[in-house]
Amino acid sequence: EIEQWLIKTRTESRESSGLRSAIDYCLKFWTGLTKF
């Protein structure tokens, strides 16, 4: 659910916005975030 939310919301967010930056942080470290 989180992954789908991140991908969907990213497409709706403004480039260089704080929201886009927060989403990109999660996607950048997605492999490490899901190792658990």
PDB file of all heavy atoms in Angstrom:
ATOM      1  N   GLU A   1       0.833  -1.209   0.000  1.00  0.00           N
ATOM      2  CA  GLU A   1       0.000   0.000   0.000  1.00  0.00           C
ATOM      3  C   GLU A   1       0.865   1.255   0.000  1.00  0.00           C
ATOM      4  O   GLU A   1       0.580   2.236  -0.715  1.00  0.00           O
ATOM      5  CB  GLU A   1      -0.913   0.016   1.230  1.00  0.00           C
ATOM      6  CG  GLU A   1      -2.070  -0.961   1.191  1.00  0.00           C
ATOM      7  CD  GLU A   1      -2.977  -0.803   2.409  1.00  0.00           C
ATOM      8  OE1 GLU A   1      -3.449   0.330   2.649  1.00  0.00           O
ATOM      9  OE2 GLU A   1      -3.174  -1.798   3.132  1.00  0.00           O
ATOM     10  N   ILE A   2       1.917   1.234   0.823  1.00  0.00           N
ATOM     11  CA  ILE A   2       2.813   2.390   0.904  1.00  0.00           C
ATOM     12  C   ILE A   2       3.498   2.638  -0.437  1.00  0.00           C
ATOM     13  O   ILE A   2       3.579   3.774  -0.916  1.00  0.00           O
ATOM     14  CB  ILE A   2       3.866   2.183   2.015  1.00  0.00           C
ATOM     15  CG1 ILE A   2       3.197   2.213   3.391  1.00  0.00           C
ATOM     16  CG2 ILE A   2       4.957   3.254   1.930  1.00  0.00           C
ATOM     17  CD1 ILE A   2       4.130   1.893   4.542  1.00  0.00           C
ATOM     18  N   GLU A   3       3.965   1.559  -1.063  1.00  0.00           N
ATOM     19  CA  GLU A   3       4.650   1.711  -2.352  1.00  0.00           C
ATOM     20  C   GLU A   3       3.710   2.300  -3.398  1.00  0.00           C
ATOM     21  O   GLU A   3       4.092   3.217  -4.155  1.00  0.00           O
ATOM     22  CB  GLU A   3       5.185   0.365  -2.820  1.00  0.00           C
ATOM     23  CG  GLU A   3       5.999   0.478  -4.101  1.00  0.00           C
ATOM     24  CD  GLU A   3       6.611  -0.846  -4.509  1.00  0.00           C
ATOM     25  OE1 GLU A   3       6.067  -1.908  -4.141  1.00  0.00           O
ATOM     26  OE2 GLU A   3       7.631  -0.812  -5.222  1.00  0.00           O
ATOM     27  N   GLN A   4       2.485   1.801  -3.449  1.00  0.00           N
ATOM     28  CA  GLN A   4       1.503   2.321  -4.406  1.00  0.00           C
ATOM     29  C   GLN A   4       1.200   3.787  -4.124  1.00  0.00           C
ATOM     30  O   GLN A   4       1.081   4.607  -5.046  1.00  0.00           O
ATOM     31  CB  GLN A   4       0.220   1.488  -4.343  1.00  0.00           C
ATOM     32  CG  GLN A   4       0.382   0.072  -4.857  1.00  0.00           C
ATOM     33  CD  GLN A   4      -0.825  -0.804  -4.577  1.00  0.00           C
ATOM     34  OE1 GLN A   4      -1.911  -0.315  -4.255  1.00  0.00           O
ATOM     35  NE2 GLN A   4      -0.651  -2.116  -4.685  1.00  0.00           N
ATOM     36  N   TRP A   5       1.096   4.127  -2.834  1.00  0.00           N
ATOM     37  CA  TRP A   5       0.822   5.517  -2.449  1.00  0.00           C
ATOM     38  C   TRP A   5       1.974   6.429  -2.888  1.00  0.00           C
ATOM     39  O   TRP A   5       1.745   7.509  -3.435  1.00  0.00           O
ATOM     40  CB  TRP A   5       0.622   5.618  -0.944  1.00  0.00           C
ATOM     41  CG  TRP A   5       0.212   6.986  -0.479  1.00  0.00           C
ATOM     42  CD1 TRP A   5      -1.059   7.448  -0.266  1.00  0.00           C
ATOM     43  CD2 TRP A   5       1.089   8.092  -0.181  1.00  0.00           C
ATOM     44  NE1 TRP A   5      -1.034   8.761   0.132  1.00  0.00           N
ATOM     45  CE2 TRP A   5       0.270   9.186   0.189  1.00  0.00           C
ATOM     46  CE3 TRP A   5       2.468   8.264  -0.200  1.00  0.00           C
ATOM     47  CZ2 TRP A   5       0.793  10.428   0.551  1.00  0.00           C
ATOM     48  CZ3 TRP A   5       3.002   9.501   0.144  1.00  0.00           C
ATOM     49  CH2 TRP A   5       2.172  10.566   0.520  1.00  0.00           C
ATOM     50  N   LEU A   6       3.191   5.989  -2.657  1.00  0.00           N
ATOM     51  CA  LEU A   6       4.362   6.795  -3.017  1.00  0.00           C
ATOM     52  C   LEU A   6       4.415   7.059  -4.521  1.00  0.00           C
ATOM     53  O   LEU A   6       4.641   8.193  -4.959  1.00  0.00           O
ATOM     54  CB  LEU A   6       5.643   6.088  -2.568  1.00  0.00           C
ATOM     55  CG  LEU A   6       5.895   5.979  -1.062  1.00  0.00           C
ATOM     56  CD1 LEU A   6       7.073   5.048  -0.791  1.00  0.00           C
ATOM     57  CD2 LEU A   6       6.141   7.344  -0.436  1.00  0.00           C
ATOM     58  N   ILE A   7       4.198   6.014  -5.301  1.00  0.00           N
ATOM     59  CA  ILE A   7       4.283   6.152  -6.758  1.00  0.00           C
ATOM     60  C   ILE A   7       3.159   7.051  -7.282  1.00  0.00           C
ATOM     61  O   ILE A   7       3.399   7.947  -8.100  1.00  0.00           O
ATOM     62  CB  ILE A   7       4.222   4.761  -7.421  1.00  0.00           C
ATOM     63  CG1 ILE A   7       5.479   3.955  -7.051  1.00  0.00           C
ATOM     64  CG2 ILE A   7       4.104   4.894  -8.938  1.00  0.00           C
ATOM     65  CD1 ILE A   7       5.435   2.505  -7.484  1.00  0.00           C
ATOM     66  N   LYS A   8       1.943   6.815  -6.798  1.00  0.00           N
ATOM     67  CA  LYS A   8       0.794   7.602  -7.255  1.00  0.00           C
ATOM     68  C   LYS A   8       0.928   9.067  -6.847  1.00  0.00           C
ATOM     69  O   LYS A   8       0.729   9.975  -7.666  1.00  0.00           O
ATOM     70  CB  LYS A   8      -0.502   7.023  -6.678  1.00  0.00           C
ATOM     71  CG  LYS A   8      -1.760   7.799  -7.049  1.00  0.00           C
ATOM     72  CD  LYS A   8      -2.988   7.115  -6.477  1.00  0.00           C
ATOM     73  CE  LYS A   8      -4.249   7.881  -6.866  1.00  0.00           C
ATOM     74  NZ  LYS A   8      -4.298   9.234  -6.280  1.00  0.00           N
ATOM     75  N   THR A   9       1.272   9.302  -5.583  1.00  0.00           N
ATOM     76  CA  THR A   9       1.347  10.671  -5.078  1.00  0.00           C
ATOM     77  C   THR A   9       2.509  11.423  -5.714  1.00  0.00           C
ATOM     78  O   THR A   9       2.433  12.647  -5.903  1.00  0.00           O
ATOM     79  CB  THR A   9       1.493  10.666  -3.544  1.00  0.00           C
ATOM     80  OG1 THR A   9       0.441   9.873  -2.972  1.00  0.00           O
ATOM     81  CG2 THR A   9       1.392  12.072  -2.977  1.00  0.00           C
ATOM     82  N   ARG A  10       3.559  10.716  -6.049  1.00  0.00           N
ATOM     83  CA  ARG A  10       4.696  11.376  -6.699  1.00  0.00           C
ATOM     84  C   ARG A  10       4.289  11.976  -8.036  1.00  0.00           C
ATOM     85  O   ARG A  10       4.702  13.091  -8.385  1.00  0.00           O
ATOM     86  CB  ARG A  10       5.855  10.400  -6.897  1.00  0.00           C
ATOM     87  CG  ARG A  10       7.135  11.071  -7.372  1.00  0.00           C
ATOM     88  CD  ARG A  10       8.250  10.073  -7.619  1.00  0.00           C
ATOM     89  NE  ARG A  10       9.516  10.766  -7.827  1.00  0.00           N
ATOM     90  CZ  ARG A  10       9.878  11.342  -8.973  1.00  0.00           C
ATOM     91  NH1 ARG A  10       9.050  11.303 -10.022  1.00  0.00           N
ATOM     92  NH2 ARG A  10      11.045  11.953  -9.080  1.00  0.00           N
ATOM     93  N   THR A  11       3.493  11.237  -8.792  1.00  0.00           N
ATOM     94  CA  THR A  11       3.061  11.746 -10.101  1.00  0.00           C
ATOM     95  C   THR A  11       2.168  12.973  -9.965  1.00  0.00           C
ATOM     96  O   THR A  11       2.068  13.785 -10.894  1.00  0.00           O
ATOM     97  CB  THR A  11       2.295  10.665 -10.883  1.00  0.00           C
ATOM     98  OG1 THR A  11       1.103  10.309 -10.171  1.00  0.00           O
ATOM     99  CG2 THR A  11       3.148   9.419 -11.072  1.00  0.00           C
ATOM    100  N   GLU A  12       1.528  13.120  -8.802  1.00  0.00           N
ATOM    101  CA  GLU A  12       0.624  14.249  -8.578  1.00  0.00           C
ATOM    102  C   GLU A  12       1.306  15.421  -7.881  1.00  0.00           C
ATOM    103  O   GLU A  12       0.723  16.494  -7.752  1.00  0.00           O
ATOM    104  CB  GLU A  12      -0.570  13.787  -7.726  1.00  0.00           C
ATOM    105  CG  GLU A  12      -1.377  12.658  -8.383  1.00  0.00           C
ATOM    106  CD  GLU A  12      -2.375  12.035  -7.431  1.00  0.00           C
ATOM    107  OE1 GLU A  12      -2.304  12.364  -6.214  1.00  0.00           O
ATOM    108  OE2 GLU A  12      -3.205  11.227  -7.879  1.00  0.00           O
ATOM    109  N   SER A  13       2.543  15.214  -7.421  1.00  0.00           N
ATOM    110  CA  SER A  13       3.239  16.256  -6.662  1.00  0.00           C
ATOM    111  C   SER A  13       4.013  17.186  -7.586  1.00  0.00           C
ATOM    112  O   SER A  13       4.358  16.834  -8.717  1.00  0.00           O
ATOM    113  CB  SER A  13       4.198  15.627  -5.649  1.00  0.00           C
ATOM    114  OG  SER A  13       5.236  14.929  -6.316  1.00  0.00           O
ATOM    115  N   ARG A  14       4.294  18.349  -7.081  1.00  0.00           N
ATOM    116  CA  ARG A  14       5.032  19.339  -7.856  1.00  0.00           C
ATOM    117  C   ARG A  14       6.531  19.051  -7.775  1.00  0.00           C
ATOM    118  O   ARG A  14       7.058  18.736  -6.725  1.00  0.00           O
ATOM    119  CB  ARG A  14       4.724  20.733  -7.321  1.00  0.00           C
ATOM    120  CG  ARG A  14       5.425  21.871  -8.035  1.00  0.00           C
ATOM    121  CD  ARG A  14       4.886  23.213  -7.553  1.00  0.00           C
ATOM    122  NE  ARG A  14       4.925  23.318  -6.106  1.00  0.00           N
ATOM    123  CZ  ARG A  14       5.996  23.703  -5.421  1.00  0.00           C
ATOM    124  NH1 ARG A  14       7.117  23.988  -6.054  1.00  0.00           N
ATOM    125  NH2 ARG A  14       5.948  23.795  -4.105  1.00  0.00           N
ATOM    126  N   GLU A  15       7.191  19.172  -8.896  1.00  0.00           N
ATOM    127  CA  GLU A  15       8.637  18.944  -8.931  1.00  0.00           C
ATOM    128  C   GLU A  15       9.352  19.939  -8.012  1.00  0.00           C
ATOM    129  O   GLU A  15       8.975  21.106  -7.928  1.00  0.00           O
ATOM    130  CB  GLU A  15       9.147  19.117 -10.358  1.00  0.00           C
ATOM    131  CG  GLU A  15      10.592  18.690 -10.545  1.00  0.00           C
ATOM    132  CD  GLU A  15      11.030  18.752 -11.995  1.00  0.00           C
ATOM    133  OE1 GLU A  15      10.174  18.992 -12.866  1.00  0.00           O
ATOM    134  OE2 GLU A  15      12.239  18.581 -12.234  1.00  0.00           O
ATOM    135  N   SER A  16      10.365  19.466  -7.319  1.00  0.00           N
ATOM    136  CA  SER A  16      11.159  20.265  -6.373  1.00  0.00           C
ATOM    137  C   SER A  16      10.374  20.674  -5.123  1.00  0.00           C
ATOM    138  O   SER A  16      10.839  21.500  -4.335  1.00  0.00           O
ATOM    139  CB  SER A  16      11.712  21.533  -7.052  1.00  0.00           C
ATOM    140  OG  SER A  16      12.520  21.188  -8.154  1.00  0.00           O
ATOM    141  N   SER A  17       9.197  20.100  -4.914  1.00  0.00           N
ATOM    142  CA  SER A  17       8.417  20.412  -3.714  1.00  0.00           C
ATOM    143  C   SER A  17       8.906  19.592  -2.537  1.00  0.00           C
ATOM    144  O   SER A  17       9.613  18.581  -2.696  1.00  0.00           O
ATOM    145  CB  SER A  17       6.936  20.115  -3.955  1.00  0.00           C
ATOM    146  OG  SER A  17       6.731  18.726  -4.151  1.00  0.00           O
ATOM    147  N   GLY A  18       8.521  19.993  -1.342  1.00  0.00           N
ATOM    148  CA  GLY A  18       8.881  19.239  -0.148  1.00  0.00           C
ATOM    149  C   GLY A  18       8.283  17.853  -0.160  1.00  0.00           C
ATOM    150  O   GLY A  18       8.909  16.886   0.300  1.00  0.00           O
ATOM    151  N   LEU A  19       7.070  17.731  -0.698  1.00  0.00           N
ATOM    152  CA  LEU A  19       6.412  16.423  -0.765  1.00  0.00           C
ATOM    153  C   LEU A  19       7.162  15.503  -1.717  1.00  0.00           C
ATOM    154  O   LEU A  19       7.386  14.331  -1.406  1.00  0.00           O
ATOM    155  CB  LEU A  19       4.962  16.592  -1.216  1.00  0.00           C
ATOM    156  CG  LEU A  19       4.132  15.311  -1.300  1.00  0.00           C
ATOM    157  CD1 LEU A  19       4.063  14.620   0.057  1.00  0.00           C
ATOM    158  CD2 LEU A  19       2.724  15.617  -1.817  1.00  0.00           C
ATOM    159  N   ARG A  20       7.548  16.021  -2.871  1.00  0.00           N
ATOM    160  CA  ARG A  20       8.303  15.212  -3.837  1.00  0.00           C
ATOM    161  C   ARG A  20       9.628  14.750  -3.220  1.00  0.00           C
ATOM    162  O   ARG A  20      10.047  13.601  -3.388  1.00  0.00           O
ATOM    163  CB  ARG A  20       8.564  16.030  -5.107  1.00  0.00           C
ATOM    164  CG  ARG A  20       9.458  15.362  -6.148  1.00  0.00           C
ATOM    165  CD  ARG A  20       8.769  14.210  -6.863  1.00  0.00           C
ATOM    166  NE  ARG A  20       7.694  14.682  -7.715  1.00  0.00           N
ATOM    167  CZ  ARG A  20       7.831  15.039  -8.993  1.00  0.00           C
ATOM    168  NH1 ARG A  20       9.026  14.996  -9.564  1.00  0.00           N
ATOM    169  NH2 ARG A  20       6.789  15.420  -9.706  1.00  0.00           N
ATOM    170  N   SER A  21      10.276  15.616  -2.479  1.00  0.00           N
ATOM    171  CA  SER A  21      11.550  15.276  -1.848  1.00  0.00           C
ATOM    172  C   SER A  21      11.373  14.162  -0.817  1.00  0.00           C
ATOM    173  O   SER A  21      12.192  13.232  -0.748  1.00  0.00           O
ATOM    174  CB  SER A  21      12.138  16.517  -1.172  1.00  0.00           C
ATOM    175  OG  SER A  21      13.335  16.201  -0.502  1.00  0.00           O
ATOM    176  N   ALA A  22      10.311  14.233  -0.012  1.00  0.00           N
ATOM    177  CA  ALA A  22      10.052  13.208   1.003  1.00  0.00           C
ATOM    178  C   ALA A  22       9.764  11.860   0.355  1.00  0.00           C
ATOM    179  O   ALA A  22      10.231  10.808   0.820  1.00  0.00           O
ATOM    180  CB  ALA A  22       8.883  13.634   1.886  1.00  0.00           C
ATOM    181  N   ILE A  23       8.992  11.887  -0.721  1.00  0.00           N
ATOM    182  CA  ILE A  23       8.666  10.654  -1.434  1.00  0.00           C
ATOM    183  C   ILE A  23       9.925  10.052  -2.056  1.00  0.00           C
ATOM    184  O   ILE A  23      10.162   8.843  -1.972  1.00  0.00           O
ATOM    185  CB  ILE A  23       7.603  10.932  -2.520  1.00  0.00           C
ATOM    186  CG1 ILE A  23       6.261  11.269  -1.864  1.00  0.00           C
ATOM    187  CG2 ILE A  23       7.450   9.737  -3.454  1.00  0.00           C
ATOM    188  CD1 ILE A  23       5.205  11.755  -2.831  1.00  0.00           C
ATOM    189  N   ASP A  24      10.741  10.899  -2.666  1.00  0.00           N
ATOM    190  CA  ASP A  24      11.972  10.411  -3.305  1.00  0.00           C
ATOM    191  C   ASP A  24      12.942   9.814  -2.294  1.00  0.00           C
ATOM    192  O   ASP A  24      13.699   8.889  -2.618  1.00  0.00           O
ATOM    193  CB  ASP A  24      12.647  11.545  -4.072  1.00  0.00           C
ATOM    194  CG  ASP A  24      11.933  11.863  -5.386  1.00  0.00           C
ATOM    195  OD1 ASP A  24      11.071  11.051  -5.801  1.00  0.00           O
ATOM    196  OD2 ASP A  24      12.213  12.921  -5.977  1.00  0.00           O
ATOM    197  N   TYR A  25      12.932  10.345  -1.078  1.00  0.00           N
ATOM    198  CA  TYR A  25      13.771   9.770  -0.021  1.00  0.00           C
ATOM    199  C   TYR A  25      13.370   8.306   0.197  1.00  0.00           C
ATOM    200  O   TYR A  25      14.231   7.414   0.256  1.00  0.00           O
ATOM    201  CB  TYR A  25      13.603  10.562   1.274  1.00  0.00           C
ATOM    202  CG  TYR A  25      14.377  10.003   2.453  1.00  0.00           C
ATOM    203  CD1 TYR A  25      15.644  10.473   2.776  1.00  0.00           C
ATOM    204  CD2 TYR A  25      13.832   8.990   3.249  1.00  0.00           C
ATOM    205  CE1 TYR A  25      16.348   9.955   3.855  1.00  0.00           C
ATOM    206  CE2 TYR A  25      14.534   8.464   4.323  1.00  0.00           C
ATOM    207  CZ  TYR A  25      15.789   8.953   4.629  1.00  0.00           C
ATOM    208  OH  TYR A  25      16.479   8.422   5.688  1.00  0.00           O
ATOM    209  N   CYS A  26      12.090   8.058   0.322  1.00  0.00           N
ATOM    210  CA  CYS A  26      11.608   6.689   0.563  1.00  0.00           C
ATOM    211  C   CYS A  26      11.905   5.767  -0.614  1.00  0.00           C
ATOM    212  O   CYS A  26      12.340   4.625  -0.432  1.00  0.00           O
ATOM    213  CB  CYS A  26      10.107   6.705   0.835  1.00  0.00           C
ATOM    214  SG  CYS A  26       9.643   7.549   2.360  1.00  0.00           S
ATOM    215  N   LEU A  27      11.678   6.242  -1.817  1.00  0.00           N
ATOM    216  CA  LEU A  27      11.917   5.425  -2.999  1.00  0.00           C
ATOM    217  C   LEU A  27      13.410   5.143  -3.187  1.00  0.00           C
ATOM    218  O   LEU A  27      13.797   4.049  -3.617  1.00  0.00           O
ATOM    219  CB  LEU A  27      11.346   6.109  -4.229  1.00  0.00           C
ATOM    220  CG  LEU A  27       9.812   6.234  -4.265  1.00  0.00           C
ATOM    221  CD1 LEU A  27       9.369   7.024  -5.486  1.00  0.00           C
ATOM    222  CD2 LEU A  27       9.151   4.852  -4.246  1.00  0.00           C
ATOM    223  N   LYS A  28      14.233   6.106  -2.856  1.00  0.00           N
ATOM    224  CA  LYS A  28      15.685   5.926  -2.974  1.00  0.00           C
ATOM    225  C   LYS A  28      16.178   4.795  -2.074  1.00  0.00           C
ATOM    226  O   LYS A  28      17.061   4.009  -2.464  1.00  0.00           O
ATOM    227  CB  LYS A  28      16.400   7.229  -2.614  1.00  0.00           C
ATOM    228  CG  LYS A  28      17.916   7.133  -2.645  1.00  0.00           C
ATOM    229  CD  LYS A  28      18.559   8.464  -2.266  1.00  0.00           C
ATOM    230  CE  LYS A  28      20.081   8.372  -2.278  1.00  0.00           C
ATOM    231  NZ  LYS A  28      20.725   9.662  -1.906  1.00  0.00           N
ATOM    232  N   PHE A  29      15.606   4.714  -0.871  1.00  0.00           N
ATOM    233  CA  PHE A  29      16.050   3.697   0.094  1.00  0.00           C
ATOM    234  C   PHE A  29      15.053   2.551   0.228  1.00  0.00           C
ATOM    235  O   PHE A  29      15.041   1.850   1.241  1.00  0.00           O
ATOM    236  CB  PHE A  29      16.284   4.356   1.456  1.00  0.00           C
ATOM    237  CG  PHE A  29      17.350   5.415   1.449  1.00  0.00           C
ATOM    238  CD1 PHE A  29      17.043   6.740   1.704  1.00  0.00           C
ATOM    239  CD2 PHE A  29      18.662   5.086   1.159  1.00  0.00           C
ATOM    240  CE1 PHE A  29      18.020   7.722   1.681  1.00  0.00           C
ATOM    241  CE2 PHE A  29      19.659   6.049   1.134  1.00  0.00           C
ATOM    242  CZ  PHE A  29      19.334   7.374   1.393  1.00  0.00           C
ATOM    243  N   TRP A  30      14.222   2.350  -0.791  1.00  0.00           N
ATOM    244  CA  TRP A  30      13.143   1.368  -0.709  1.00  0.00           C
ATOM    245  C   TRP A  30      13.657  -0.047  -0.429  1.00  0.00           C
ATOM    246  O   TRP A  30      13.074  -0.784   0.372  1.00  0.00           O
ATOM    247  CB  TRP A  30      12.313   1.387  -1.991  1.00  0.00           C
ATOM    248  CG  TRP A  30      11.057   0.579  -1.882  1.00  0.00           C
ATOM    249  CD1 TRP A  30      10.754  -0.581  -2.533  1.00  0.00           C
ATOM    250  CD2 TRP A  30       9.937   0.873  -1.045  1.00  0.00           C
ATOM    251  NE1 TRP A  30       9.508  -1.031  -2.155  1.00  0.00           N
ATOM    252  CE2 TRP A  30       8.986  -0.150  -1.240  1.00  0.00           C
ATOM    253  CE3 TRP A  30       9.652   1.911  -0.146  1.00  0.00           C
ATOM    254  CZ2 TRP A  30       7.766  -0.171  -0.572  1.00  0.00           C
ATOM    255  CZ3 TRP A  30       8.432   1.887   0.530  1.00  0.00           C
ATOM    256  CH2 TRP A  30       7.511   0.847   0.304  1.00  0.00           C
ATOM    257  N   THR A  31      14.738  -0.426  -1.069  1.00  0.00           N
ATOM    258  CA  THR A  31      15.290  -1.770  -0.835  1.00  0.00           C
ATOM    259  C   THR A  31      15.644  -1.960   0.636  1.00  0.00           C
ATOM    260  O   THR A  31      15.321  -2.983   1.250  1.00  0.00           O
ATOM    261  CB  THR A  31      16.528  -2.005  -1.709  1.00  0.00           C
ATOM    262  OG1 THR A  31      16.163  -1.908  -3.083  1.00  0.00           O
ATOM    263  CG2 THR A  31      17.122  -3.388  -1.439  1.00  0.00           C
ATOM    264  N   GLY A  32      16.316  -0.958   1.205  1.00  0.00           N
ATOM    265  CA  GLY A  32      16.694  -1.043   2.617  1.00  0.00           C
ATOM    266  C   GLY A  32      15.505  -0.956   3.552  1.00  0.00           C
ATOM    267  O   GLY A  32      15.483  -1.590   4.618  1.00  0.00           O
ATOM    268  N   LEU A  33      14.488  -0.205   3.162  1.00  0.00           N
ATOM    269  CA  LEU A  33      13.297  -0.053   4.004  1.00  0.00           C
ATOM    270  C   LEU A  33      12.459  -1.326   4.052  1.00  0.00           C
ATOM    271  O   LEU A  33      11.681  -1.525   4.993  1.00  0.00           O
ATOM    272  CB  LEU A  33      12.437   1.101   3.492  1.00  0.00           C
ATOM    273  CG  LEU A  33      12.961   2.517   3.765  1.00  0.00           C
ATOM    274  CD1 LEU A  33      12.156   3.551   2.988  1.00  0.00           C
ATOM    275  CD2 LEU A  33      12.902   2.830   5.261  1.00  0.00           C
ATOM    276  N   THR A  34      12.599  -2.178   3.062  1.00  0.00           N
ATOM    277  CA  THR A  34      11.775  -3.393   3.004  1.00  0.00           C
ATOM    278  C   THR A  34      12.537  -4.664   3.374  1.00  0.00           C
ATOM    279  O   THR A  34      11.967  -5.754   3.354  1.00  0.00           O
ATOM    280  CB  THR A  34      11.167  -3.561   1.603  1.00  0.00           C
ATOM    281  OG1 THR A  34      12.212  -3.542   0.619  1.00  0.00           O
ATOM    282  CG2 THR A  34      10.206  -2.421   1.298  1.00  0.00           C
ATOM    283  N   LYS A  35      13.816  -4.534   3.723  1.00  0.00           N
ATOM    284  CA  LYS A  35      14.612  -5.713   4.106  1.00  0.00           C
ATOM    285  C   LYS A  35      14.028  -6.421   5.334  1.00  0.00           C
ATOM    286  O   LYS A  35      14.187  -7.633   5.500  1.00  0.00           O
ATOM    287  CB  LYS A  35      16.052  -5.281   4.412  1.00  0.00           C
ATOM    288  CG  LYS A  35      16.902  -4.982   3.191  1.00  0.00           C
ATOM    289  CD  LYS A  35      17.408  -6.249   2.544  1.00  0.00           C
ATOM    290  CE  LYS A  35      18.223  -5.955   1.290  1.00  0.00           C
ATOM    291  NZ  LYS A  35      19.493  -5.302   1.579  1.00  0.00           N
ATOM    292  N   PHE A  36      13.356  -5.685   6.196  1.00  0.00           N
ATOM    293  CA  PHE A  36      12.830  -6.271   7.435  1.00  0.00           C
ATOM    294  C   PHE A  36      11.804  -7.363   7.180  1.00  0.00           C
ATOM    295  O   PHE A  36      11.582  -8.233   8.024  1.00  0.00           O
ATOM    296  CB  PHE A  36      12.211  -5.177   8.318  1.00  0.00           C
ATOM    297  CG  PHE A  36      10.842  -4.731   7.895  1.00  0.00           C
ATOM    298  CD1 PHE A  36       9.716  -5.266   8.502  1.00  0.00           C
ATOM    299  CD2 PHE A  36      10.679  -3.780   6.892  1.00  0.00           C
ATOM    300  CE1 PHE A  36       8.446  -4.859   8.114  1.00  0.00           C
ATOM    301  CE2 PHE A  36       9.421  -3.363   6.511  1.00  0.00           C
ATOM    302  CZ  PHE A  36       8.297  -3.907   7.110  1.00  0.00           C
TER     303      PHE A  36
END
